[in-house]
């Protein structure tokens, strides 16, 4: 939780960078257009969760600030 210091709220550091956000937005846009394909099978992605995961994966490959994958 952010702490109050002298009446002002201290900002917490970002978990995800702007680059990661843009990558997820691009993946979501492609998914809505029906152009986003999954990696191995090449099937069209239909769930938003998969689109977000693909966007974050691409951001990691580009070196953006993204928390590590959960196992």
N, C-alpha and C. Protein backbone atom coordinates (compact mmCIF):
# COMPACT_ATOMS: atom_id res chain seq x y z
N UNK A 1 0.84 -1.18 0.00
CA UNK A 1 0.00 0.00 0.00
C UNK A 1 0.88 1.24 0.00
N UNK A 2 0.46 2.27 -0.73
CA UNK A 2 1.21 3.53 -0.72
C UNK A 2 1.15 4.17 0.67
N UNK A 3 2.24 4.75 1.09
CA UNK A 3 2.31 5.40 2.39
C UNK A 3 2.05 6.88 2.23
N UNK A 4 1.41 7.47 3.24
CA UNK A 4 1.19 8.91 3.24
C UNK A 4 2.37 9.58 3.92
N UNK A 5 2.95 10.55 3.23
CA UNK A 5 4.08 11.29 3.78
C UNK A 5 3.70 12.77 3.75
N UNK A 6 3.42 13.33 4.90
CA UNK A 6 3.09 14.76 4.97
C UNK A 6 1.88 15.14 4.16
N UNK A 7 0.87 14.30 4.12
CA UNK A 7 -0.35 14.62 3.40
C UNK A 7 -0.35 14.20 1.94
N UNK A 8 0.82 13.81 1.41
CA UNK A 8 0.89 13.36 0.02
C UNK A 8 1.07 11.84 -0.02
N UNK A 9 0.52 11.23 -1.04
CA UNK A 9 0.65 9.78 -1.19
C UNK A 9 1.90 9.47 -2.00
N UNK A 10 2.73 8.60 -1.45
CA UNK A 10 3.95 8.18 -2.14
C UNK A 10 3.56 7.22 -3.27
N UNK A 11 4.12 7.43 -4.45
CA UNK A 11 3.81 6.57 -5.59
C UNK A 11 4.62 5.29 -5.50
N UNK A 12 3.97 4.19 -5.86
CA UNK A 12 4.65 2.91 -5.88
C UNK A 12 5.33 2.74 -7.23
N UNK A 13 6.43 2.01 -7.28
CA UNK A 13 7.09 1.79 -8.57
C UNK A 13 6.22 0.94 -9.50
N UNK A 14 6.39 1.15 -10.79
CA UNK A 14 5.59 0.42 -11.78
C UNK A 14 6.03 -1.04 -11.85
N UNK A 15 5.06 -1.95 -11.96
CA UNK A 15 5.40 -3.36 -12.16
C UNK A 15 5.66 -3.63 -13.63
N UNK A 16 4.90 -2.96 -14.49
CA UNK A 16 5.01 -3.16 -15.93
C UNK A 16 5.41 -1.85 -16.58
N UNK A 17 6.30 -1.90 -17.56
CA UNK A 17 6.74 -0.69 -18.25
C UNK A 17 5.71 -0.26 -19.29
N UNK A 18 5.88 0.94 -19.81
CA UNK A 18 5.01 1.44 -20.87
C UNK A 18 5.11 0.55 -22.11
N UNK A 19 6.33 0.07 -22.39
CA UNK A 19 6.55 -0.80 -23.55
C UNK A 19 5.73 -2.09 -23.41
N UNK A 20 5.67 -2.64 -22.20
CA UNK A 20 4.87 -3.84 -21.96
C UNK A 20 3.39 -3.55 -22.17
N UNK A 21 2.95 -2.39 -21.73
CA UNK A 21 1.55 -1.99 -21.91
C UNK A 21 1.21 -1.88 -23.39
N UNK A 22 2.11 -1.28 -24.16
CA UNK A 22 1.87 -1.14 -25.60
C UNK A 22 1.83 -2.50 -26.29
N UNK A 23 2.69 -3.43 -25.84
CA UNK A 23 2.73 -4.76 -26.42
C UNK A 23 1.42 -5.51 -26.16
N UNK A 24 0.88 -5.38 -24.96
CA UNK A 24 -0.39 -6.02 -24.62
C UNK A 24 -1.53 -5.38 -25.42
N UNK A 25 -1.51 -4.06 -25.56
CA UNK A 25 -2.55 -3.38 -26.34
C UNK A 25 -2.53 -3.84 -27.79
N UNK A 26 -1.34 -4.00 -28.35
CA UNK A 26 -1.21 -4.46 -29.74
C UNK A 26 -1.75 -5.88 -29.88
N UNK A 27 -1.42 -6.75 -28.92
CA UNK A 27 -1.91 -8.13 -28.96
C UNK A 27 -3.43 -8.17 -28.85
N UNK A 28 -4.00 -7.35 -27.98
CA UNK A 28 -5.46 -7.31 -27.83
C UNK A 28 -6.13 -6.82 -29.11
N UNK A 29 -5.53 -5.82 -29.73
CA UNK A 29 -6.09 -5.30 -30.98
C UNK A 29 -6.08 -6.38 -32.07
N UNK A 30 -4.95 -7.10 -32.17
CA UNK A 30 -4.85 -8.17 -33.16
C UNK A 30 -5.86 -9.28 -32.87
N UNK A 31 -6.07 -9.58 -31.58
CA UNK A 31 -7.03 -10.61 -31.21
C UNK A 31 -8.43 -10.22 -31.62
N UNK A 32 -8.79 -8.95 -31.40
CA UNK A 32 -10.12 -8.48 -31.76
C UNK A 32 -10.32 -8.47 -33.27
N UNK A 33 -9.24 -8.27 -34.02
CA UNK A 33 -9.32 -8.30 -35.48
C UNK A 33 -9.28 -9.72 -36.02
N UNK A 34 -8.96 -10.69 -35.15
CA UNK A 34 -8.88 -12.09 -35.58
C UNK A 34 -7.56 -12.43 -36.23
N UNK A 35 -6.52 -11.64 -35.98
CA UNK A 35 -5.22 -11.84 -36.62
C UNK A 35 -4.18 -12.46 -35.68
N UNK A 36 -4.49 -12.59 -34.38
CA UNK A 36 -3.53 -13.10 -33.42
C UNK A 36 -3.55 -14.62 -33.41
N UNK A 37 -2.40 -15.22 -33.64
CA UNK A 37 -2.27 -16.68 -33.68
C UNK A 37 -1.43 -17.14 -32.50
N UNK A 38 -1.73 -18.35 -31.99
CA UNK A 38 -0.92 -18.89 -30.91
C UNK A 38 0.38 -19.42 -31.48
N UNK A 39 1.37 -19.58 -30.61
CA UNK A 39 2.72 -19.92 -31.04
C UNK A 39 2.87 -21.23 -31.77
N UNK A 40 2.62 -22.34 -31.11
CA UNK A 40 2.91 -23.64 -31.70
C UNK A 40 1.86 -24.11 -32.69
N UNK A 41 0.60 -24.10 -32.26
CA UNK A 41 -0.44 -24.68 -33.11
C UNK A 41 -0.85 -23.75 -34.24
N UNK A 42 -0.67 -22.46 -34.06
CA UNK A 42 -1.03 -21.50 -35.10
C UNK A 42 -2.53 -21.22 -35.16
N UNK A 43 -3.27 -21.69 -34.14
CA UNK A 43 -4.72 -21.45 -34.11
C UNK A 43 -4.99 -20.00 -33.72
N UNK A 44 -6.15 -19.50 -34.12
CA UNK A 44 -6.55 -18.14 -33.79
C UNK A 44 -6.87 -18.04 -32.30
N UNK A 45 -6.32 -17.02 -31.65
CA UNK A 45 -6.56 -16.80 -30.22
C UNK A 45 -7.92 -16.15 -30.05
N UNK A 46 -8.73 -16.69 -29.11
CA UNK A 46 -10.07 -16.16 -28.91
C UNK A 46 -10.31 -15.62 -27.50
N UNK A 47 -9.42 -15.93 -26.54
CA UNK A 47 -9.64 -15.44 -25.18
C UNK A 47 -8.71 -14.26 -24.88
N UNK A 48 -9.23 -13.32 -24.09
CA UNK A 48 -8.44 -12.14 -23.75
C UNK A 48 -7.25 -12.50 -22.86
N UNK A 49 -7.40 -13.55 -22.03
CA UNK A 49 -6.30 -13.97 -21.16
C UNK A 49 -5.10 -14.43 -21.99
N UNK A 50 -5.39 -15.19 -23.06
CA UNK A 50 -4.31 -15.64 -23.93
C UNK A 50 -3.66 -14.46 -24.64
N UNK A 51 -4.46 -13.50 -25.06
CA UNK A 51 -3.92 -12.32 -25.74
C UNK A 51 -2.99 -11.53 -24.82
N UNK A 52 -3.38 -11.38 -23.56
CA UNK A 52 -2.54 -10.67 -22.59
C UNK A 52 -1.24 -11.43 -22.37
N UNK A 53 -1.34 -12.76 -22.24
CA UNK A 53 -0.15 -13.57 -22.02
C UNK A 53 0.81 -13.48 -23.20
N UNK A 54 0.29 -13.46 -24.41
CA UNK A 54 1.13 -13.34 -25.61
C UNK A 54 1.79 -11.97 -25.64
N UNK A 55 1.03 -10.92 -25.30
CA UNK A 55 1.58 -9.56 -25.27
C UNK A 55 2.70 -9.43 -24.25
N UNK A 56 2.53 -10.01 -23.06
CA UNK A 56 3.57 -9.94 -22.04
C UNK A 56 4.79 -10.75 -22.45
N UNK A 57 4.57 -11.88 -23.10
CA UNK A 57 5.68 -12.71 -23.56
C UNK A 57 6.52 -11.96 -24.59
N UNK A 58 5.84 -11.28 -25.52
CA UNK A 58 6.55 -10.49 -26.53
C UNK A 58 7.33 -9.35 -25.88
N UNK A 59 6.73 -8.73 -24.84
CA UNK A 59 7.41 -7.64 -24.14
C UNK A 59 8.67 -8.15 -23.44
N UNK A 60 8.59 -9.35 -22.85
CA UNK A 60 9.77 -9.93 -22.20
C UNK A 60 10.89 -10.14 -23.21
N UNK A 61 10.53 -10.63 -24.40
CA UNK A 61 11.53 -10.88 -25.44
C UNK A 61 12.20 -9.58 -25.88
N UNK A 62 11.44 -8.48 -25.86
CA UNK A 62 11.98 -7.18 -26.26
C UNK A 62 12.78 -6.52 -25.14
N UNK A 63 12.74 -7.11 -23.94
CA UNK A 63 13.52 -6.57 -22.82
C UNK A 63 12.78 -5.55 -21.99
N UNK A 64 11.45 -5.50 -22.09
CA UNK A 64 10.68 -4.55 -21.30
C UNK A 64 10.60 -5.01 -19.85
N UNK A 65 10.28 -4.08 -18.96
CA UNK A 65 10.17 -4.40 -17.54
C UNK A 65 8.84 -5.12 -17.29
N UNK A 66 8.95 -6.43 -17.06
CA UNK A 66 7.78 -7.27 -16.81
C UNK A 66 8.17 -8.26 -15.72
N UNK A 67 7.29 -8.50 -14.73
CA UNK A 67 7.62 -9.50 -13.72
C UNK A 67 7.82 -10.87 -14.35
N UNK A 68 8.61 -11.75 -13.70
CA UNK A 68 8.85 -13.08 -14.28
C UNK A 68 7.57 -13.91 -14.36
N UNK A 69 7.58 -14.88 -15.29
CA UNK A 69 6.43 -15.75 -15.47
C UNK A 69 6.16 -16.56 -14.20
N UNK A 70 4.88 -16.82 -13.93
CA UNK A 70 4.51 -17.69 -12.81
C UNK A 70 4.45 -19.12 -13.33
N UNK A 71 4.92 -20.04 -12.52
CA UNK A 71 4.89 -21.44 -12.94
C UNK A 71 3.60 -22.13 -12.56
